[in-house]
Amino acid sequence: MKIENTKAQMRKGVLEYCILSILKDDDAYVAEILETLKDAKMLVVEGTIYPLLTRLKNAGLLSYRWEESTSGPPRKYYGLTETGKLFLKELNGTWDELRNAVNLVTKQKKK
């Protein structure tokens, strides 16, 4: 069994939560979202993020708007809907519970 496969699956499992968290304060376009994920060492490619953003939009968690760019074509900015904000709030609680449970099971101290 290759460790890289397991690591990739763990990242995929939290990617939706991370994207919603990135958008909690400000709208962002895909390049900004990818850069934030990259800075956090969550390596994601555009081919992965576009279908996820579409799924989140179709679920009513995200909306988007087009904005003209001074350096190229218009950009699609994504933001949380009210439903998305409530969903993220629930995920925050679930993440805290999950992190605490994993820390207990793996005997790691809570930070």
PDB file of N, CA and C in Angstrom:
ATOM      1  N   MET A   1       0.851  -1.186   0.000  1.00  0.00           N
ATOM      2  CA  MET A   1       0.000   0.000   0.000  1.00  0.00           C
ATOM      3  C   MET A   1       0.890   1.240   0.000  1.00  0.00           C
ATOM      4  N   LYS A   2       0.579   2.174  -0.874  1.00  0.00           N
ATOM      5  CA  LYS A   2       1.392   3.381  -0.996  1.00  0.00           C
ATOM      6  C   LYS A   2       0.838   4.488  -0.109  1.00  0.00           C
ATOM      7  N   ILE A   3       1.721   5.104   0.640  1.00  0.00           N
ATOM      8  CA  ILE A   3       1.339   6.170   1.565  1.00  0.00           C
ATOM      9  C   ILE A   3       0.753   7.372   0.817  1.00  0.00           C
ATOM     10  N   GLU A   4       1.242   7.645  -0.382  1.00  0.00           N
ATOM     11  CA  GLU A   4       0.759   8.801  -1.142  1.00  0.00           C
ATOM     12  C   GLU A   4      -0.729   8.693  -1.457  1.00  0.00           C
ATOM     13  N   ASN A   5      -1.212   7.478  -1.714  1.00  0.00           N
ATOM     14  CA  ASN A   5      -2.641   7.288  -1.983  1.00  0.00           C
ATOM     15  C   ASN A   5      -3.476   7.640  -0.767  1.00  0.00           C
ATOM     16  N   THR A   6      -3.031   7.197   0.400  1.00  0.00           N
ATOM     17  CA  THR A   6      -3.754   7.488   1.639  1.00  0.00           C
ATOM     18  C   THR A   6      -3.727   8.986   1.930  1.00  0.00           C
ATOM     19  N   LYS A   7      -2.575   9.609   1.747  1.00  0.00           N
ATOM     20  CA  LYS A   7      -2.476  11.053   1.959  1.00  0.00           C
ATOM     21  C   LYS A   7      -3.430  11.811   1.033  1.00  0.00           C
ATOM     22  N   ALA A   8      -3.482  11.407  -0.221  1.00  0.00           N
ATOM     23  CA  ALA A   8      -4.365  12.066  -1.188  1.00  0.00           C
ATOM     24  C   ALA A   8      -5.825  11.914  -0.775  1.00  0.00           C
ATOM     25  N   GLN A   9      -6.208  10.743  -0.308  1.00  0.00           N
ATOM     26  CA  GLN A   9      -7.586  10.525   0.125  1.00  0.00           C
ATOM     27  C   GLN A   9      -7.923  11.374   1.342  1.00  0.00           C
ATOM     28  N   MET A  10      -6.976  11.517   2.258  1.00  0.00           N
ATOM     29  CA  MET A  10      -7.210  12.362   3.434  1.00  0.00           C
ATOM     30  C   MET A  10      -7.416  13.814   3.015  1.00  0.00           C
ATOM     31  N   ARG A  11      -6.604  14.295   2.066  1.00  0.00           N
ATOM     32  CA  ARG A  11      -6.746  15.672   1.586  1.00  0.00           C
ATOM     33  C   ARG A  11      -8.092  15.877   0.909  1.00  0.00           C
ATOM     34  N   LYS A  12      -8.477  14.926   0.057  1.00  0.00           N
ATOM     35  CA  LYS A  12      -9.760  15.035  -0.646  1.00  0.00           C
ATOM     36  C   LYS A  12     -10.918  15.112   0.339  1.00  0.00           C
ATOM     37  N   GLY A  13     -10.792  14.403   1.450  1.00  0.00           N
ATOM     38  CA  GLY A  13     -11.859  14.365   2.435  1.00  0.00           C
ATOM     39  C   GLY A  13     -12.118  15.704   3.103  1.00  0.00           C
ATOM     40  N   VAL A  14     -11.122  16.572   3.144  1.00  0.00           N
ATOM     41  CA  VAL A  14     -11.299  17.871   3.805  1.00  0.00           C
ATOM     42  C   VAL A  14     -11.293  19.040   2.827  1.00  0.00           C
ATOM     43  N   LEU A  15     -11.160  18.761   1.547  1.00  0.00           N
ATOM     44  CA  LEU A  15     -11.052  19.829   0.553  1.00  0.00           C
ATOM     45  C   LEU A  15     -12.297  20.721   0.508  1.00  0.00           C
ATOM     46  N   GLU A  16     -13.462  20.123   0.541  1.00  0.00           N
ATOM     47  CA  GLU A  16     -14.705  20.899   0.516  1.00  0.00           C
ATOM     48  C   GLU A  16     -14.758  21.864   1.703  1.00  0.00           C
ATOM     49  N   TYR A  17     -14.424  21.370   2.860  1.00  0.00           N
ATOM     50  CA  TYR A  17     -14.414  22.195   4.075  1.00  0.00           C
ATOM     51  C   TYR A  17     -13.404  23.342   3.928  1.00  0.00           C
ATOM     52  N   CYS A  18     -12.227  23.040   3.393  1.00  0.00           N
ATOM     53  CA  CYS A  18     -11.208  24.069   3.219  1.00  0.00           C
ATOM     54  C   CYS A  18     -11.649  25.156   2.247  1.00  0.00           C
ATOM     55  N   ILE A  19     -12.275  24.759   1.148  1.00  0.00           N
ATOM     56  CA  ILE A  19     -12.748  25.742   0.166  1.00  0.00           C
ATOM     57  C   ILE A  19     -13.810  26.647   0.772  1.00  0.00           C
ATOM     58  N   LEU A  20     -14.756  26.071   1.461  1.00  0.00           N
ATOM     59  CA  LEU A  20     -15.790  26.885   2.109  1.00  0.00           C
ATOM     60  C   LEU A  20     -15.164  27.834   3.129  1.00  0.00           C
ATOM     61  N   SER A  21     -14.164  27.361   3.847  1.00  0.00           N
ATOM     62  CA  SER A  21     -13.489  28.199   4.844  1.00  0.00           C
ATOM     63  C   SER A  21     -12.736  29.353   4.191  1.00  0.00           C
ATOM     64  N   ILE A  22     -12.116  29.091   3.047  1.00  0.00           N
ATOM     65  CA  ILE A  22     -11.404  30.143   2.317  1.00  0.00           C
ATOM     66  C   ILE A  22     -12.366  31.256   1.919  1.00  0.00           C
ATOM     67  N   LEU A  23     -13.588  30.885   1.578  1.00  0.00           N
ATOM     68  CA  LEU A  23     -14.574  31.856   1.092  1.00  0.00           C
ATOM     69  C   LEU A  23     -15.426  32.483   2.186  1.00  0.00           C
ATOM     70  N   LYS A  24     -15.134  32.178   3.436  1.00  0.00           N
ATOM     71  CA  LYS A  24     -16.009  32.644   4.523  1.00  0.00           C
ATOM     72  C   LYS A  24     -16.008  34.161   4.689  1.00  0.00           C
ATOM     73  N   ASP A  25     -14.901  34.815   4.379  1.00  0.00           N
ATOM     74  CA  ASP A  25     -14.819  36.264   4.589  1.00  0.00           C
ATOM     75  C   ASP A  25     -14.915  37.075   3.304  1.00  0.00           C
ATOM     76  N   ASP A  26     -14.375  36.537   2.220  1.00  0.00           N
ATOM     77  CA  ASP A  26     -14.344  37.277   0.959  1.00  0.00           C
ATOM     78  C   ASP A  26     -14.559  36.341  -0.216  1.00  0.00           C
ATOM     79  N   ASP A  27     -15.135  36.884  -1.280  1.00  0.00           N
ATOM     80  CA  ASP A  27     -15.243  36.140  -2.524  1.00  0.00           C
ATOM     81  C   ASP A  27     -13.834  35.965  -3.099  1.00  0.00           C
ATOM     82  N   ALA A  28     -13.649  34.925  -3.887  1.00  0.00           N
ATOM     83  CA  ALA A  28     -12.351  34.677  -4.499  1.00  0.00           C
ATOM     84  C   ALA A  28     -12.546  33.971  -5.832  1.00  0.00           C
ATOM     85  N   TYR A  29     -11.567  34.122  -6.713  1.00  0.00           N
ATOM     86  CA  TYR A  29     -11.609  33.390  -7.968  1.00  0.00           C
ATOM     87  C   TYR A  29     -10.693  32.182  -7.850  1.00  0.00           C
ATOM     88  N   VAL A  30     -10.771  31.289  -8.808  1.00  0.00           N
ATOM     89  CA  VAL A  30     -10.120  29.985  -8.682  1.00  0.00           C
ATOM     90  C   VAL A  30      -8.623  30.102  -8.413  1.00  0.00           C
ATOM     91  N   ALA A  31      -7.935  30.990  -9.099  1.00  0.00           N
ATOM     92  CA  ALA A  31      -6.493  31.119  -8.883  1.00  0.00           C
ATOM     93  C   ALA A  31      -6.171  31.489  -7.434  1.00  0.00           C
ATOM     94  N   GLU A  32      -6.999  32.346  -6.834  1.00  0.00           N
ATOM     95  CA  GLU A  32      -6.788  32.729  -5.427  1.00  0.00           C
ATOM     96  C   GLU A  32      -7.049  31.551  -4.494  1.00  0.00           C
ATOM     97  N   ILE A  33      -8.089  30.793  -4.787  1.00  0.00           N
ATOM     98  CA  ILE A  33      -8.402  29.618  -3.973  1.00  0.00           C
ATOM     99  C   ILE A  33      -7.264  28.611  -4.057  1.00  0.00           C
ATOM    100  N   LEU A  34      -6.791  28.357  -5.275  1.00  0.00           N
ATOM    101  CA  LEU A  34      -5.690  27.412  -5.464  1.00  0.00           C
ATOM    102  C   LEU A  34      -4.420  27.881  -4.760  1.00  0.00           C
ATOM    103  N   GLU A  35      -4.146  29.171  -4.816  1.00  0.00           N
ATOM    104  CA  GLU A  35      -2.945  29.722  -4.168  1.00  0.00           C
ATOM    105  C   GLU A  35      -3.028  29.544  -2.643  1.00  0.00           C
ATOM    106  N   THR A  36      -4.198  29.803  -2.078  1.00  0.00           N
ATOM    107  CA  THR A  36      -4.378  29.624  -0.638  1.00  0.00           C
ATOM    108  C   THR A  36      -4.176  28.159  -0.249  1.00  0.00           C
ATOM    109  N   LEU A  37      -4.736  27.262  -1.036  1.00  0.00           N
ATOM    110  CA  LEU A  37      -4.559  25.827  -0.767  1.00  0.00           C
ATOM    111  C   LEU A  37      -3.095  25.429  -0.916  1.00  0.00           C
ATOM    112  N   LYS A  38      -2.439  25.941  -1.938  1.00  0.00           N
ATOM    113  CA  LYS A  38      -1.018  25.641  -2.162  1.00  0.00           C
ATOM    114  C   LYS A  38      -0.167  26.131  -0.996  1.00  0.00           C
ATOM    115  N   ASP A  39      -0.443  27.348  -0.528  1.00  0.00           N
ATOM    116  CA  ASP A  39       0.301  27.908   0.610  1.00  0.00           C
ATOM    117  C   ASP A  39       0.143  27.048   1.857  1.00  0.00           C
ATOM    118  N   ALA A  40      -0.998  26.375   1.964  1.00  0.00           N
ATOM    119  CA  ALA A  40      -1.274  25.506   3.117  1.00  0.00           C
ATOM    120  C   ALA A  40      -0.784  24.075   2.876  1.00  0.00           C
ATOM    121  N   LYS A  41      -0.069  23.865   1.770  1.00  0.00           N
ATOM    122  CA  LYS A  41       0.465  22.534   1.415  1.00  0.00           C
ATOM    123  C   LYS A  41      -0.629  21.543   1.025  1.00  0.00           C
ATOM    124  N   MET A  42      -1.789  22.068   0.613  1.00  0.00           N
ATOM    125  CA  MET A  42      -2.865  21.222   0.080  1.00  0.00           C
ATOM    126  C   MET A  42      -2.776  21.321  -1.432  1.00  0.00           C
ATOM    127  N   LEU A  43      -2.074  20.380  -2.020  1.00  0.00           N
ATOM    128  CA  LEU A  43      -1.832  20.430  -3.454  1.00  0.00           C
ATOM    129  C   LEU A  43      -3.072  19.985  -4.219  1.00  0.00           C
ATOM    130  N   VAL A  44      -3.638  20.912  -4.957  1.00  0.00           N
ATOM    131  CA  VAL A  44      -4.860  20.674  -5.716  1.00  0.00           C
ATOM    132  C   VAL A  44      -4.666  21.265  -7.108  1.00  0.00           C
ATOM    133  N   VAL A  45      -5.164  20.589  -8.111  1.00  0.00           N
ATOM    134  CA  VAL A  45      -5.068  21.093  -9.479  1.00  0.00           C
ATOM    135  C   VAL A  45      -6.420  21.632  -9.923  1.00  0.00           C
ATOM    136  N   GLU A  46      -6.400  22.458 -10.963  1.00  0.00           N
ATOM    137  CA  GLU A  46      -7.637  23.066 -11.457  1.00  0.00           C
ATOM    138  C   GLU A  46      -8.667  22.015 -11.844  1.00  0.00           C
ATOM    139  N   GLY A  47      -8.214  20.916 -12.400  1.00  0.00           N
ATOM    140  CA  GLY A  47      -9.133  19.864 -12.823  1.00  0.00           C
ATOM    141  C   GLY A  47      -9.904  19.249 -11.675  1.00  0.00           C
ATOM    142  N   THR A  48      -9.409  19.388 -10.476  1.00  0.00           N
ATOM    143  CA  THR A  48     -10.090  18.884  -9.281  1.00  0.00           C
ATOM    144  C   THR A  48     -11.046  19.921  -8.713  1.00  0.00           C
ATOM    145  N   ILE A  49     -10.627  21.172  -8.749  1.00  0.00           N
ATOM    146  CA  ILE A  49     -11.388  22.203  -8.052  1.00  0.00           C
ATOM    147  C   ILE A  49     -12.635  22.647  -8.810  1.00  0.00           C
ATOM    148  N   TYR A  50     -12.571  22.701 -10.135  1.00  0.00           N
ATOM    149  CA  TYR A  50     -13.739  23.164 -10.888  1.00  0.00           C
ATOM    150  C   TYR A  50     -14.974  22.291 -10.679  1.00  0.00           C
ATOM    151  N   PRO A  51     -14.874  20.972 -10.777  1.00  0.00           N
ATOM    152  CA  PRO A  51     -16.066  20.152 -10.519  1.00  0.00           C
ATOM    153  C   PRO A  51     -16.591  20.306  -9.089  1.00  0.00           C
ATOM    154  N   LEU A  52     -15.679  20.467  -8.127  1.00  0.00           N
ATOM    155  CA  LEU A  52     -16.097  20.646  -6.740  1.00  0.00           C
ATOM    156  C   LEU A  52     -16.831  21.972  -6.557  1.00  0.00           C
ATOM    157  N   LEU A  53     -16.319  23.038  -7.155  1.00  0.00           N
ATOM    158  CA  LEU A  53     -17.001  24.336  -7.067  1.00  0.00           C
ATOM    159  C   LEU A  53     -18.381  24.274  -7.718  1.00  0.00           C
ATOM    160  N   THR A  54     -18.481  23.579  -8.833  1.00  0.00           N
ATOM    161  CA  THR A  54     -19.783  23.426  -9.498  1.00  0.00           C
ATOM    162  C   THR A  54     -20.751  22.653  -8.613  1.00  0.00           C
ATOM    163  N   ARG A  55     -20.260  21.591  -7.981  1.00  0.00           N
ATOM    164  CA  ARG A  55     -21.116  20.797  -7.096  1.00  0.00           C
ATOM    165  C   ARG A  55     -21.588  21.632  -5.904  1.00  0.00           C
ATOM    166  N   LEU A  56     -20.693  22.423  -5.321  1.00  0.00           N
ATOM    167  CA  LEU A  56     -21.056  23.279  -4.187  1.00  0.00           C
ATOM    168  C   LEU A  56     -22.050  24.359  -4.613  1.00  0.00           C
ATOM    169  N   LYS A  57     -21.873  24.890  -5.825  1.00  0.00           N
ATOM    170  CA  LYS A  57     -22.817  25.883  -6.350  1.00  0.00           C
ATOM    171  C   LYS A  57     -24.183  25.245  -6.581  1.00  0.00           C
ATOM    172  N   ASN A  58     -24.196  24.066  -7.184  1.00  0.00           N
ATOM    173  CA  ASN A  58     -25.460  23.372  -7.452  1.00  0.00           C
ATOM    174  C   ASN A  58     -26.184  22.974  -6.164  1.00  0.00           C
ATOM    175  N   ALA A  59     -25.423  22.794  -5.097  1.00  0.00           N
ATOM    176  CA  ALA A  59     -26.014  22.462  -3.806  1.00  0.00           C
ATOM    177  C   ALA A  59     -26.522  23.710  -3.078  1.00  0.00           C
ATOM    178  N   GLY A  60     -26.300  24.870  -3.670  1.00  0.00           N
ATOM    179  CA  GLY A  60     -26.784  26.106  -3.063  1.00  0.00           C
ATOM    180  C   GLY A  60     -25.858  26.692  -2.015  1.00  0.00           C
ATOM    181  N   LEU A  61     -24.631  26.181  -1.920  1.00  0.00           N
ATOM    182  CA  LEU A  61     -23.690  26.660  -0.910  1.00  0.00           C
ATOM    183  C   LEU A  61     -22.838  27.824  -1.412  1.00  0.00           C
ATOM    184  N   LEU A  62     -22.666  27.890  -2.729  1.00  0.00           N
ATOM    185  CA  LEU A  62     -21.865  28.954  -3.340  1.00  0.00           C
ATOM    186  C   LEU A  62     -22.681  29.678  -4.396  1.00  0.00           C
ATOM    187  N   SER A  63     -22.328  30.925  -4.602  1.00  0.00           N
ATOM    188  CA  SER A  63     -22.824  31.687  -5.742  1.00  0.00           C
ATOM    189  C   SER A  63     -21.576  32.219  -6.456  1.00  0.00           C
ATOM    190  N   TYR A  64     -21.764  32.763  -7.642  1.00  0.00           N
ATOM    191  CA  TYR A  64     -20.629  33.369  -8.323  1.00  0.00           C
ATOM    192  C   TYR A  64     -21.073  34.602  -9.082  1.00  0.00           C
ATOM    193  N   ARG A  65     -20.082  35.418  -9.400  1.00  0.00           N
ATOM    194  CA  ARG A  65     -20.313  36.619 -10.194  1.00  0.00           C
ATOM    195  C   ARG A  65     -19.095  36.812 -11.089  1.00  0.00           C
ATOM    196  N   TRP A  66     -19.323  37.406 -12.232  1.00  0.00           N
ATOM    197  CA  TRP A  66     -18.233  37.714 -13.151  1.00  0.00           C
ATOM    198  C   TRP A  66     -17.747  39.120 -12.881  1.00  0.00           C
ATOM    199  N   GLU A  67     -16.422  39.293 -12.928  1.00  0.00           N
ATOM    200  CA  GLU A  67     -15.839  40.612 -12.723  1.00  0.00           C
ATOM    201  C   GLU A  67     -14.759  40.837 -13.774  1.00  0.00           C
ATOM    202  N   GLU A  68     -14.782  42.004 -14.380  1.00  0.00           N
ATOM    203  CA  GLU A  68     -13.766  42.326 -15.379  1.00  0.00           C
ATOM    204  C   GLU A  68     -12.387  42.364 -14.728  1.00  0.00           C
ATOM    205  N   SER A  69     -11.387  41.969 -15.492  1.00  0.00           N
ATOM    206  CA  SER A  69     -10.007  41.955 -15.011  1.00  0.00           C
ATOM    207  C   SER A  69      -9.173  42.903 -15.849  1.00  0.00           C
ATOM    208  N   THR A  70      -8.246  43.591 -15.214  1.00  0.00           N
ATOM    209  CA  THR A  70      -7.360  44.486 -15.948  1.00  0.00           C
ATOM    210  C   THR A  70      -6.244  43.712 -16.637  1.00  0.00           C
ATOM    211  N   SER A  71      -6.079  42.443 -16.264  1.00  0.00           N
ATOM    212  CA  SER A  71      -4.974  41.659 -16.828  1.00  0.00           C
ATOM    213  C   SER A  71      -5.460  40.385 -17.512  1.00  0.00           C
ATOM    214  N   GLY A  72      -6.522  40.498 -18.303  1.00  0.00           N
ATOM    215  CA  GLY A  72      -6.995  39.319 -19.016  1.00  0.00           C
ATOM    216  C   GLY A  72      -8.504  39.251 -19.069  1.00  0.00           C
ATOM    217  N   PRO A  73      -9.004  38.033 -19.272  1.00  0.00           N
ATOM    218  CA  PRO A  73     -10.462  37.859 -19.393  1.00  0.00           C
ATOM    219  C   PRO A  73     -11.165  38.074 -18.050  1.00  0.00           C
ATOM    220  N   PRO A  74     -12.488  38.221 -18.076  1.00  0.00           N
ATOM    221  CA  PRO A  74     -13.239  38.375 -16.819  1.00  0.00           C
ATOM    222  C   PRO A  74     -12.999  37.178 -15.901  1.00  0.00           C
ATOM    223  N   ARG A  75     -13.107  37.415 -14.613  1.00  0.00           N
ATOM    224  CA  ARG A  75     -12.886  36.364 -13.614  1.00  0.00           C
ATOM    225  C   ARG A  75     -14.208  36.009 -12.937  1.00  0.00           C
ATOM    226  N   LYS A  76     -14.347  34.740 -12.651  1.00  0.00           N
ATOM    227  CA  LYS A  76     -15.529  34.257 -11.940  1.00  0.00           C
ATOM    228  C   LYS A  76     -15.179  34.197 -10.449  1.00  0.00           C
ATOM    229  N   TYR A  77     -15.832  35.043  -9.671  1.00  0.00           N
ATOM    230  CA  TYR A  77     -15.613  35.079  -8.234  1.00  0.00           C
ATOM    231  C   TYR A  77     -16.682  34.254  -7.531  1.00  0.00           C
ATOM    232  N   TYR A  78     -16.243  33.378  -6.642  1.00  0.00           N
ATOM    233  CA  TYR A  78     -17.149  32.540  -5.862  1.00  0.00           C
ATOM    234  C   TYR A  78     -17.282  33.099  -4.459  1.00  0.00           C
ATOM    235  N   GLY A  79     -18.467  32.949  -3.891  1.00  0.00           N
ATOM    236  CA  GLY A  79     -18.710  33.378  -2.517  1.00  0.00           C
ATOM    237  C   GLY A  79     -19.741  32.473  -1.870  1.00  0.00           C
ATOM    238  N   LEU A  80     -19.769  32.495  -0.557  1.00  0.00           N
ATOM    239  CA  LEU A  80     -20.734  31.687   0.189  1.00  0.00           C
ATOM    240  C   LEU A  80     -22.124  32.313   0.131  1.00  0.00           C
ATOM    241  N   THR A  81     -23.122  31.486  -0.031  1.00  0.00           N
ATOM    242  CA  THR A  81     -24.505  31.929   0.114  1.00  0.00           C
ATOM    243  C   THR A  81     -24.842  31.883   1.601  1.00  0.00           C
ATOM    244  N   GLU A  82     -26.018  32.356   1.969  1.00  0.00           N
ATOM    245  CA  GLU A  82     -26.442  32.239   3.372  1.00  0.00           C
ATOM    246  C   GLU A  82     -26.497  30.768   3.782  1.00  0.00           C
ATOM    247  N   THR A  83     -26.989  29.922   2.884  1.00  0.00           N
ATOM    248  CA  THR A  83     -27.027  28.483   3.160  1.00  0.00           C
ATOM    249  C   THR A  83     -25.610  27.951   3.338  1.00  0.00           C
ATOM    250  N   GLY A  84     -24.675  28.439   2.516  1.00  0.00           N
ATOM    251  CA  GLY A  84     -23.279  28.031   2.624  1.00  0.00           C
ATOM    252  C   GLY A  84     -22.658  28.437   3.953  1.00  0.00           C
ATOM    253  N   LYS A  85     -23.020  29.621   4.431  1.00  0.00           N
ATOM    254  CA  LYS A  85     -22.504  30.087   5.729  1.00  0.00           C
ATOM    255  C   LYS A  85     -23.001  29.205   6.866  1.00  0.00           C
ATOM    256  N   LEU A  86     -24.274  28.830   6.807  1.00  0.00           N
ATOM    257  CA  LEU A  86     -24.827  27.934   7.834  1.00  0.00           C
ATOM    258  C   LEU A  86     -24.189  26.549   7.749  1.00  0.00           C
ATOM    259  N   PHE A  87     -23.998  26.070   6.531  1.00  0.00           N
ATOM    260  CA  PHE A  87     -23.370  24.774   6.308  1.00  0.00           C
ATOM    261  C   PHE A  87     -21.951  24.770   6.874  1.00  0.00           C
ATOM    262  N   LEU A  88     -21.200  25.843   6.612  1.00  0.00           N
ATOM    263  CA  LEU A  88     -19.832  25.953   7.120  1.00  0.00           C
ATOM    264  C   LEU A  88     -19.817  25.983   8.639  1.00  0.00           C
ATOM    265  N   LYS A  89     -20.777  26.674   9.227  1.00  0.00           N
ATOM    266  CA  LYS A  89     -20.860  26.720  10.689  1.00  0.00           C
ATOM    267  C   LYS A  89     -21.033  25.312  11.264  1.00  0.00           C
ATOM    268  N   GLU A  90     -21.884  24.518  10.632  1.00  0.00           N
ATOM    269  CA  GLU A  90     -22.071  23.118  11.060  1.00  0.00           C
ATOM    270  C   GLU A  90     -20.783  22.319  10.870  1.00  0.00           C
ATOM    271  N   LEU A  91     -20.125  22.530   9.734  1.00  0.00           N
ATOM    272  CA  LEU A  91     -18.874  21.810   9.478  1.00  0.00           C
ATOM    273  C   LEU A  91     -17.794  22.182  10.491  1.00  0.00           C
ATOM    274  N   ASN A  92     -17.769  23.438  10.919  1.00  0.00           N
ATOM    275  CA  ASN A  92     -16.790  23.850  11.935  1.00  0.00           C
ATOM    276  C   ASN A  92     -16.951  23.023  13.200  1.00  0.00           C
ATOM    277  N   GLY A  93     -18.186  22.839  13.643  1.00  0.00           N
ATOM    278  CA  GLY A  93     -18.436  22.026  14.832  1.00  0.00           C
ATOM    279  C   GLY A  93     -18.052  20.573  14.611  1.00  0.00           C
ATOM    280  N   THR A  94     -18.388  20.062  13.437  1.00  0.00           N
ATOM    281  CA  THR A  94     -18.044  18.673  13.117  1.00  0.00           C
ATOM    282  C   THR A  94     -16.535  18.497  13.053  1.00  0.00           C
ATOM    283  N   TRP A  95     -15.838  19.471  12.468  1.00  0.00           N
ATOM    284  CA  TRP A  95     -14.381  19.391  12.376  1.00  0.00           C
ATOM    285  C   TRP A  95     -13.763  19.370  13.775  1.00  0.00           C
ATOM    286  N   ASP A  96     -14.245  20.221  14.662  1.00  0.00           N
ATOM    287  CA  ASP A  96     -13.716  20.236  16.036  1.00  0.00           C
ATOM    288  C   ASP A  96     -13.913  18.883  16.712  1.00  0.00           C
ATOM    289  N   GLU A  97     -15.099  18.311  16.554  1.00  0.00           N
ATOM    290  CA  GLU A  97     -15.368  16.993  17.147  1.00  0.00           C
ATOM    291  C   GLU A  97     -14.470  15.925  16.544  1.00  0.00           C
ATOM    292  N   LEU A  98     -14.325  15.943  15.241  1.00  0.00           N
ATOM    293  CA  LEU A  98     -13.498  14.946  14.559  1.00  0.00           C
ATOM    294  C   LEU A  98     -12.030  15.083  14.936  1.00  0.00           C
ATOM    295  N   ARG A  99     -11.543  16.314  14.958  1.00  0.00           N
ATOM    296  CA  ARG A  99     -10.143  16.549  15.333  1.00  0.00           C
ATOM    297  C   ARG A  99      -9.880  16.066  16.758  1.00  0.00           C
ATOM    298  N   ASN A 100     -10.799  16.382  17.677  1.00  0.00           N
ATOM    299  CA  ASN A 100     -10.630  15.937  19.058  1.00  0.00           C
ATOM    300  C   ASN A 100     -10.662  14.414  19.161  1.00  0.00           C
ATOM    301  N   ALA A 101     -11.560  13.780  18.420  1.00  0.00           N
ATOM    302  CA  ALA A 101     -11.653  12.318  18.445  1.00  0.00           C
ATOM    303  C   ALA A 101     -10.387  11.681  17.896  1.00  0.00           C
ATOM    304  N   VAL A 102      -9.890  12.208  16.779  1.00  0.00           N
ATOM    305  CA  VAL A 102      -8.661  11.656  16.188  1.00  0.00           C
ATOM    306  C   VAL A 102      -7.484  11.870  17.134  1.00  0.00           C
ATOM    307  N   ASN A 103      -7.411  13.031  17.756  1.00  0.00           N
ATOM    308  CA  ASN A 103      -6.332  13.290  18.705  1.00  0.00           C
ATOM    309  C   ASN A 103      -6.382  12.315  19.886  1.00  0.00           C
ATOM    310  N   LEU A 104      -7.584  12.030  20.368  1.00  0.00           N
ATOM    311  CA  LEU A 104      -7.716  11.066  21.459  1.00  0.00           C
ATOM    312  C   LEU A 104      -7.273   9.665  21.032  1.00  0.00           C
ATOM    313  N   VAL A 105      -7.740   9.256  19.872  1.00  0.00           N
ATOM    314  CA  VAL A 105      -7.418   7.917  19.389  1.00  0.00           C
ATOM    315  C   VAL A 105      -5.930   7.778  19.106  1.00  0.00           C
ATOM    316  N   THR A 106      -5.329   8.826  18.541  1.00  0.00           N
ATOM    317  CA  THR A 106      -3.908   8.741  18.197  1.00  0.00           C
ATOM    318  C   THR A 106      -3.020   9.268  19.323  1.00  0.00           C
ATOM    319  N   LYS A 107      -3.636   9.629  20.433  1.00  0.00           N
ATOM    320  CA  LYS A 107      -2.927  10.087  21.637  1.00  0.00           C
ATOM    321  C   LYS A 107      -2.122  11.362  21.418  1.00  0.00           C
ATOM    322  N   GLN A 108      -2.657  12.265  20.594  1.00  0.00           N
ATOM    323  CA  GLN A 108      -1.996  13.545  20.362  1.00  0.00           C
ATOM    324  C   GLN A 108      -2.662  14.603  21.232  1.00  0.00           C
ATOM    325  N   LYS A 109      -1.876  15.537  21.682  1.00  0.00           N
ATOM    326  CA  LYS A 109      -2.409  16.606  22.515  1.00  0.00           C
ATOM    327  C   LYS A 109      -3.205  17.584  21.680  1.00  0.00           C
ATOM    328  N   LYS A 110      -4.278  18.118  22.292  1.00  0.00           N
ATOM    329  CA  LYS A 110      -5.105  19.139  21.637  1.00  0.00           C
ATOM    330  C   LYS A 110      -4.317  20.439  21.582  1.00  0.00           C
ATOM    331  N   LYS A 111      -4.376  21.097  20.429  1.00  0.00           N
ATOM    332  CA  LYS A 111      -3.667  22.386  20.282  1.00  0.00           C
ATOM    333  C   LYS A 111      -4.606  23.518  20.527  1.00  0.00           C
TER     334      LYS A 111
END
